[in-house]
PDB file of N, CA and C in Angstrom:
ATOM      1  N   UNK A   1     -17.563  94.181  29.249  1.00  0.00           N
ATOM      2  CA  UNK A   1     -16.930  92.899  29.408  1.00  0.00           C
ATOM      3  C   UNK A   1     -16.631  92.340  28.025  1.00  0.00           C
ATOM      4  N   UNK A   2     -15.413  91.978  27.829  1.00  0.00           N
ATOM      5  CA  UNK A   2     -15.000  91.439  26.538  1.00  0.00           C
ATOM      6  C   UNK A   2     -15.277  89.940  26.504  1.00  0.00           C
ATOM      7  N   UNK A   3     -15.822  89.460  25.388  1.00  0.00           N
ATOM      8  CA  UNK A   3     -16.146  88.049  25.267  1.00  0.00           C
ATOM      9  C   UNK A   3     -15.163  87.348  24.345  1.00  0.00           C
ATOM     10  N   UNK A   4     -14.942  86.077  24.601  1.00  0.00           N
ATOM     11  CA  UNK A   4     -14.112  85.259  23.725  1.00  0.00           C
ATOM     12  C   UNK A   4     -14.930  84.909  22.494  1.00  0.00           C
ATOM     13  N   UNK A   5     -14.318  84.353  21.463  1.00  0.00           N
ATOM     14  CA  UNK A   5     -15.094  83.947  20.283  1.00  0.00           C
ATOM     15  C   UNK A   5     -16.241  82.992  20.613  1.00  0.00           C
ATOM     16  N   UNK A   6     -16.099  82.196  21.663  1.00  0.00           N
ATOM     17  CA  UNK A   6     -17.168  81.267  22.051  1.00  0.00           C
ATOM     18  C   UNK A   6     -18.289  81.973  22.796  1.00  0.00           C
ATOM     19  N   UNK A   7     -18.130  83.270  23.083  1.00  0.00           N
ATOM     20  CA  UNK A   7     -19.172  84.029  23.767  1.00  0.00           C
ATOM     21  C   UNK A   7     -19.072  84.023  25.279  1.00  0.00           C
ATOM     22  N   UNK A   8     -17.936  83.586  25.825  1.00  0.00           N
ATOM     23  CA  UNK A   8     -17.759  83.541  27.267  1.00  0.00           C
ATOM     24  C   UNK A   8     -16.911  84.718  27.729  1.00  0.00           C
ATOM     25  N   UNK A   9     -17.179  85.226  28.958  1.00  0.00           N
ATOM     26  CA  UNK A   9     -16.348  86.331  29.459  1.00  0.00           C
ATOM     27  C   UNK A   9     -14.891  85.896  29.577  1.00  0.00           C
ATOM     28  N   UNK A  10     -14.004  86.819  29.336  1.00  0.00           N
ATOM     29  CA  UNK A  10     -12.574  86.519  29.484  1.00  0.00           C
ATOM     30  C   UNK A  10     -12.241  86.327  30.961  1.00  0.00           C
ATOM     31  N   UNK A  11     -11.208  85.589  31.217  1.00  0.00           N
ATOM     32  CA  UNK A  11     -10.831  85.289  32.593  1.00  0.00           C
ATOM     33  C   UNK A  11     -10.461  86.535  33.387  1.00  0.00           C
ATOM     34  N   UNK A  12     -10.054  87.621  32.719  1.00  0.00           N
ATOM     35  CA  UNK A  12      -9.692  88.836  33.433  1.00  0.00           C
ATOM     36  C   UNK A  12     -10.864  89.398  34.228  1.00  0.00           C
ATOM     37  N   UNK A  13     -12.096  89.031  33.880  1.00  0.00           N
ATOM     38  CA  UNK A  13     -13.248  89.552  34.596  1.00  0.00           C
ATOM     39  C   UNK A  13     -13.557  88.726  35.847  1.00  0.00           C
ATOM     40  N   UNK A  14     -12.816  87.640  36.076  1.00  0.00           N
ATOM     41  CA  UNK A  14     -13.036  86.809  37.258  1.00  0.00           C
ATOM     42  C   UNK A  14     -12.586  87.564  38.498  1.00  0.00           C
ATOM     43  N   UNK A  15     -13.213  87.293  39.652  1.00  0.00           N
ATOM     44  CA  UNK A  15     -12.787  87.964  40.885  1.00  0.00           C
ATOM     45  C   UNK A  15     -11.371  87.546  41.265  1.00  0.00           C
ATOM     46  N   UNK A  16     -10.652  88.458  41.850  1.00  0.00           N
ATOM     47  CA  UNK A  16      -9.295  88.176  42.315  1.00  0.00           C
ATOM     48  C   UNK A  16      -9.360  87.569  43.711  1.00  0.00           C
ATOM     49  N   UNK A  17      -8.332  86.831  44.065  1.00  0.00           N
ATOM     50  CA  UNK A  17      -8.250  86.276  45.418  1.00  0.00           C
ATOM     51  C   UNK A  17      -8.252  87.422  46.410  1.00  0.00           C
ATOM     52  N   UNK A  18      -9.104  87.334  47.407  1.00  0.00           N
ATOM     53  CA  UNK A  18      -9.196  88.353  48.443  1.00  0.00           C
ATOM     54  C   UNK A  18     -10.127  89.508  48.108  1.00  0.00           C
ATOM     55  N   UNK A  19     -10.694  89.523  46.886  1.00  0.00           N
ATOM     56  CA  UNK A  19     -11.615  90.598  46.504  1.00  0.00           C
ATOM     57  C   UNK A  19     -12.926  90.449  47.271  1.00  0.00           C
ATOM     58  N   UNK A  20     -13.577  91.551  47.506  1.00  0.00           N
ATOM     59  CA  UNK A  20     -14.885  91.516  48.174  1.00  0.00           C
ATOM     60  C   UNK A  20     -15.923  90.947  47.217  1.00  0.00           C
ATOM     61  N   UNK A  21     -16.766  90.112  47.755  1.00  0.00           N
ATOM     62  CA  UNK A  21     -17.845  89.527  46.947  1.00  0.00           C
ATOM     63  C   UNK A  21     -18.931  90.565  46.703  1.00  0.00           C
ATOM     64  N   UNK A  22     -19.560  90.527  45.552  1.00  0.00           N
ATOM     65  CA  UNK A  22     -20.693  91.423  45.321  1.00  0.00           C
ATOM     66  C   UNK A  22     -21.869  90.993  46.191  1.00  0.00           C
ATOM     67  N   UNK A  23     -22.708  91.936  46.535  1.00  0.00           N
ATOM     68  CA  UNK A  23     -23.903  91.599  47.312  1.00  0.00           C
ATOM     69  C   UNK A  23     -24.879  90.886  46.388  1.00  0.00           C
ATOM     70  N   UNK A  24     -25.445  89.785  46.859  1.00  0.00           N
ATOM     71  CA  UNK A  24     -26.351  89.017  46.012  1.00  0.00           C
ATOM     72  C   UNK A  24     -27.363  88.278  46.865  1.00  0.00           C
ATOM     73  N   UNK A  25     -28.438  87.863  46.233  1.00  0.00           N
ATOM     74  CA  UNK A  25     -29.454  87.005  46.829  1.00  0.00           C
ATOM     75  C   UNK A  25     -29.709  85.874  45.844  1.00  0.00           C
ATOM     76  N   UNK A  26     -29.670  84.642  46.357  1.00  0.00           N
ATOM     77  CA  UNK A  26     -29.884  83.468  45.524  1.00  0.00           C
ATOM     78  C   UNK A  26     -30.843  82.511  46.221  1.00  0.00           C
ATOM     79  N   UNK A  27     -31.613  81.738  45.453  1.00  0.00           N
ATOM     80  CA  UNK A  27     -32.514  80.757  46.067  1.00  0.00           C
ATOM     81  C   UNK A  27     -31.762  79.482  46.447  1.00  0.00           C
ATOM     82  N   UNK A  28     -32.264  78.823  47.507  1.00  0.00           N
ATOM     83  CA  UNK A  28     -31.715  77.516  47.876  1.00  0.00           C
ATOM     84  C   UNK A  28     -32.483  76.416  47.153  1.00  0.00           C
ATOM     85  N   UNK A  29     -32.260  75.173  47.549  1.00  0.00           N
ATOM     86  CA  UNK A  29     -32.909  74.049  46.877  1.00  0.00           C
ATOM     87  C   UNK A  29     -34.427  74.035  47.067  1.00  0.00           C
ATOM     88  N   UNK A  30     -34.924  74.781  48.059  1.00  0.00           N
ATOM     89  CA  UNK A  30     -36.371  74.896  48.288  1.00  0.00           C
ATOM     90  C   UNK A  30     -36.937  76.202  47.749  1.00  0.00           C
ATOM     91  N   UNK A  31     -36.147  76.887  46.953  1.00  0.00           N
ATOM     92  CA  UNK A  31     -36.523  78.166  46.332  1.00  0.00           C
ATOM     93  C   UNK A  31     -36.706  79.292  47.351  1.00  0.00           C
ATOM     94  N   UNK A  32     -36.085  79.159  48.522  1.00  0.00           N
ATOM     95  CA  UNK A  32     -36.119  80.211  49.529  1.00  0.00           C
ATOM     96  C   UNK A  32     -34.915  81.122  49.304  1.00  0.00           C
ATOM     97  N   UNK A  33     -35.136  82.443  49.265  1.00  0.00           N
ATOM     98  CA  UNK A  33     -34.022  83.350  48.999  1.00  0.00           C
ATOM     99  C   UNK A  33     -33.080  83.484  50.194  1.00  0.00           C
ATOM    100  N   UNK A  34     -31.798  83.614  49.904  1.00  0.00           N
ATOM    101  CA  UNK A  34     -30.770  83.853  50.917  1.00  0.00           C
ATOM    102  C   UNK A  34     -29.871  84.953  50.376  1.00  0.00           C
ATOM    103  N   UNK A  35     -29.692  86.004  51.182  1.00  0.00           N
ATOM    104  CA  UNK A  35     -28.822  87.096  50.738  1.00  0.00           C
ATOM    105  C   UNK A  35     -27.518  87.050  51.522  1.00  0.00           C
ATOM    106  N   UNK A  36     -26.472  87.439  50.879  1.00  0.00           N
ATOM    107  CA  UNK A  36     -25.163  87.470  51.522  1.00  0.00           C
ATOM    108  C   UNK A  36     -25.197  88.398  52.733  1.00  0.00           C
ATOM    109  N   UNK A  37     -25.819  89.537  52.609  1.00  0.00           N
ATOM    110  CA  UNK A  37     -25.881  90.504  53.713  1.00  0.00           C
ATOM    111  C   UNK A  37     -26.575  89.900  54.933  1.00  0.00           C
ATOM    112  N   UNK A  38     -27.720  89.241  54.726  1.00  0.00           N
ATOM    113  CA  UNK A  38     -28.448  88.652  55.854  1.00  0.00           C
ATOM    114  C   UNK A  38     -27.643  87.555  56.544  1.00  0.00           C
ATOM    115  N   UNK A  39     -26.964  86.735  55.757  1.00  0.00           N
ATOM    116  CA  UNK A  39     -26.157  85.661  56.342  1.00  0.00           C
ATOM    117  C   UNK A  39     -24.993  86.232  57.140  1.00  0.00           C
ATOM    118  N   UNK A  40     -24.350  87.265  56.629  1.00  0.00           N
ATOM    119  CA  UNK A  40     -23.239  87.886  57.363  1.00  0.00           C
ATOM    120  C   UNK A  40     -23.732  88.559  58.636  1.00  0.00           C
ATOM    121  N   UNK A  41     -24.860  89.234  58.565  1.00  0.00           N
ATOM    122  CA  UNK A  41     -25.414  89.889  59.765  1.00  0.00           C
ATOM    123  C   UNK A  41     -25.779  88.877  60.840  1.00  0.00           C
ATOM    124  N   UNK A  42     -26.185  87.683  60.435  1.00  0.00           N
ATOM    125  CA  UNK A  42     -26.538  86.632  61.391  1.00  0.00           C
ATOM    126  C   UNK A  42     -25.297  85.966  61.977  1.00  0.00           C
ATOM    127  N   UNK A  43     -24.117  86.357  61.490  1.00  0.00           N
ATOM    128  CA  UNK A  43     -22.874  85.805  62.001  1.00  0.00           C
ATOM    129  C   UNK A  43     -22.577  84.403  61.502  1.00  0.00           C
ATOM    130  N   UNK A  44     -23.240  83.999  60.437  1.00  0.00           N
ATOM    131  CA  UNK A  44     -23.016  82.658  59.886  1.00  0.00           C
ATOM    132  C   UNK A  44     -21.725  82.639  59.082  1.00  0.00           C
ATOM    133  N   UNK A  45     -20.991  81.538  59.178  1.00  0.00           N
ATOM    134  CA  UNK A  45     -19.789  81.439  58.339  1.00  0.00           C
ATOM    135  C   UNK A  45     -20.178  81.293  56.873  1.00  0.00           C
ATOM    136  N   UNK A  46     -19.449  81.920  56.002  1.00  0.00           N
ATOM    137  CA  UNK A  46     -19.755  81.916  54.568  1.00  0.00           C
ATOM    138  C   UNK A  46     -18.556  81.359  53.806  1.00  0.00           C
ATOM    139  N   UNK A  47     -18.822  80.429  52.931  1.00  0.00           N
ATOM    140  CA  UNK A  47     -17.796  79.914  52.027  1.00  0.00           C
ATOM    141  C   UNK A  47     -18.325  80.094  50.619  1.00  0.00           C
ATOM    142  N   UNK A  48     -17.610  80.850  49.804  1.00  0.00           N
ATOM    143  CA  UNK A  48     -17.982  81.044  48.407  1.00  0.00           C
ATOM    144  C   UNK A  48     -16.932  80.400  47.535  1.00  0.00           C
ATOM    145  N   UNK A  49     -17.375  79.727  46.520  1.00  0.00           N
ATOM    146  CA  UNK A  49     -16.422  79.257  45.517  1.00  0.00           C
ATOM    147  C   UNK A  49     -17.035  79.476  44.147  1.00  0.00           C
ATOM    148  N   UNK A  50     -16.180  79.665  43.199  1.00  0.00           N
ATOM    149  CA  UNK A  50     -16.603  79.969  41.848  1.00  0.00           C
ATOM    150  C   UNK A  50     -16.119  78.864  40.928  1.00  0.00           C
ATOM    151  N   UNK A  51     -17.034  78.357  40.145  1.00  0.00           N
ATOM    152  CA  UNK A  51     -16.678  77.326  39.178  1.00  0.00           C
ATOM    153  C   UNK A  51     -16.725  77.931  37.795  1.00  0.00           C
ATOM    154  N   UNK A  52     -15.768  77.570  37.023  1.00  0.00           N
ATOM    155  CA  UNK A  52     -15.739  78.009  35.639  1.00  0.00           C
ATOM    156  C   UNK A  52     -16.858  77.273  34.898  1.00  0.00           C
ATOM    157  N   UNK A  53     -17.621  77.994  34.098  1.00  0.00           N
ATOM    158  CA  UNK A  53     -18.786  77.419  33.439  1.00  0.00           C
ATOM    159  C   UNK A  53     -18.461  76.429  32.343  1.00  0.00           C
ATOM    160  N   UNK A  54     -17.324  76.545  31.715  1.00  0.00           N
ATOM    161  CA  UNK A  54     -16.973  75.638  30.644  1.00  0.00           C
ATOM    162  C   UNK A  54     -15.467  75.499  30.593  1.00  0.00           C
ATOM    163  N   UNK A  55     -14.984  74.305  30.438  1.00  0.00           N
ATOM    164  CA  UNK A  55     -13.537  74.075  30.403  1.00  0.00           C
ATOM    165  C   UNK A  55     -13.100  74.000  29.020  1.00  0.00           C
TER     166      UNK A  55
END
């Protein structure tokens, strides 16, 4: 991954519209883990959005 002079990944490494999300597990506000695979298997609707870390 190529970094900009400020040390941030270049925008080319951002996911493309319609690309498959990587499999991941993240904690919620109560520190309980939630994995994308488990949520999809449970048939729950999933909305992912990505925010740029610095403008």
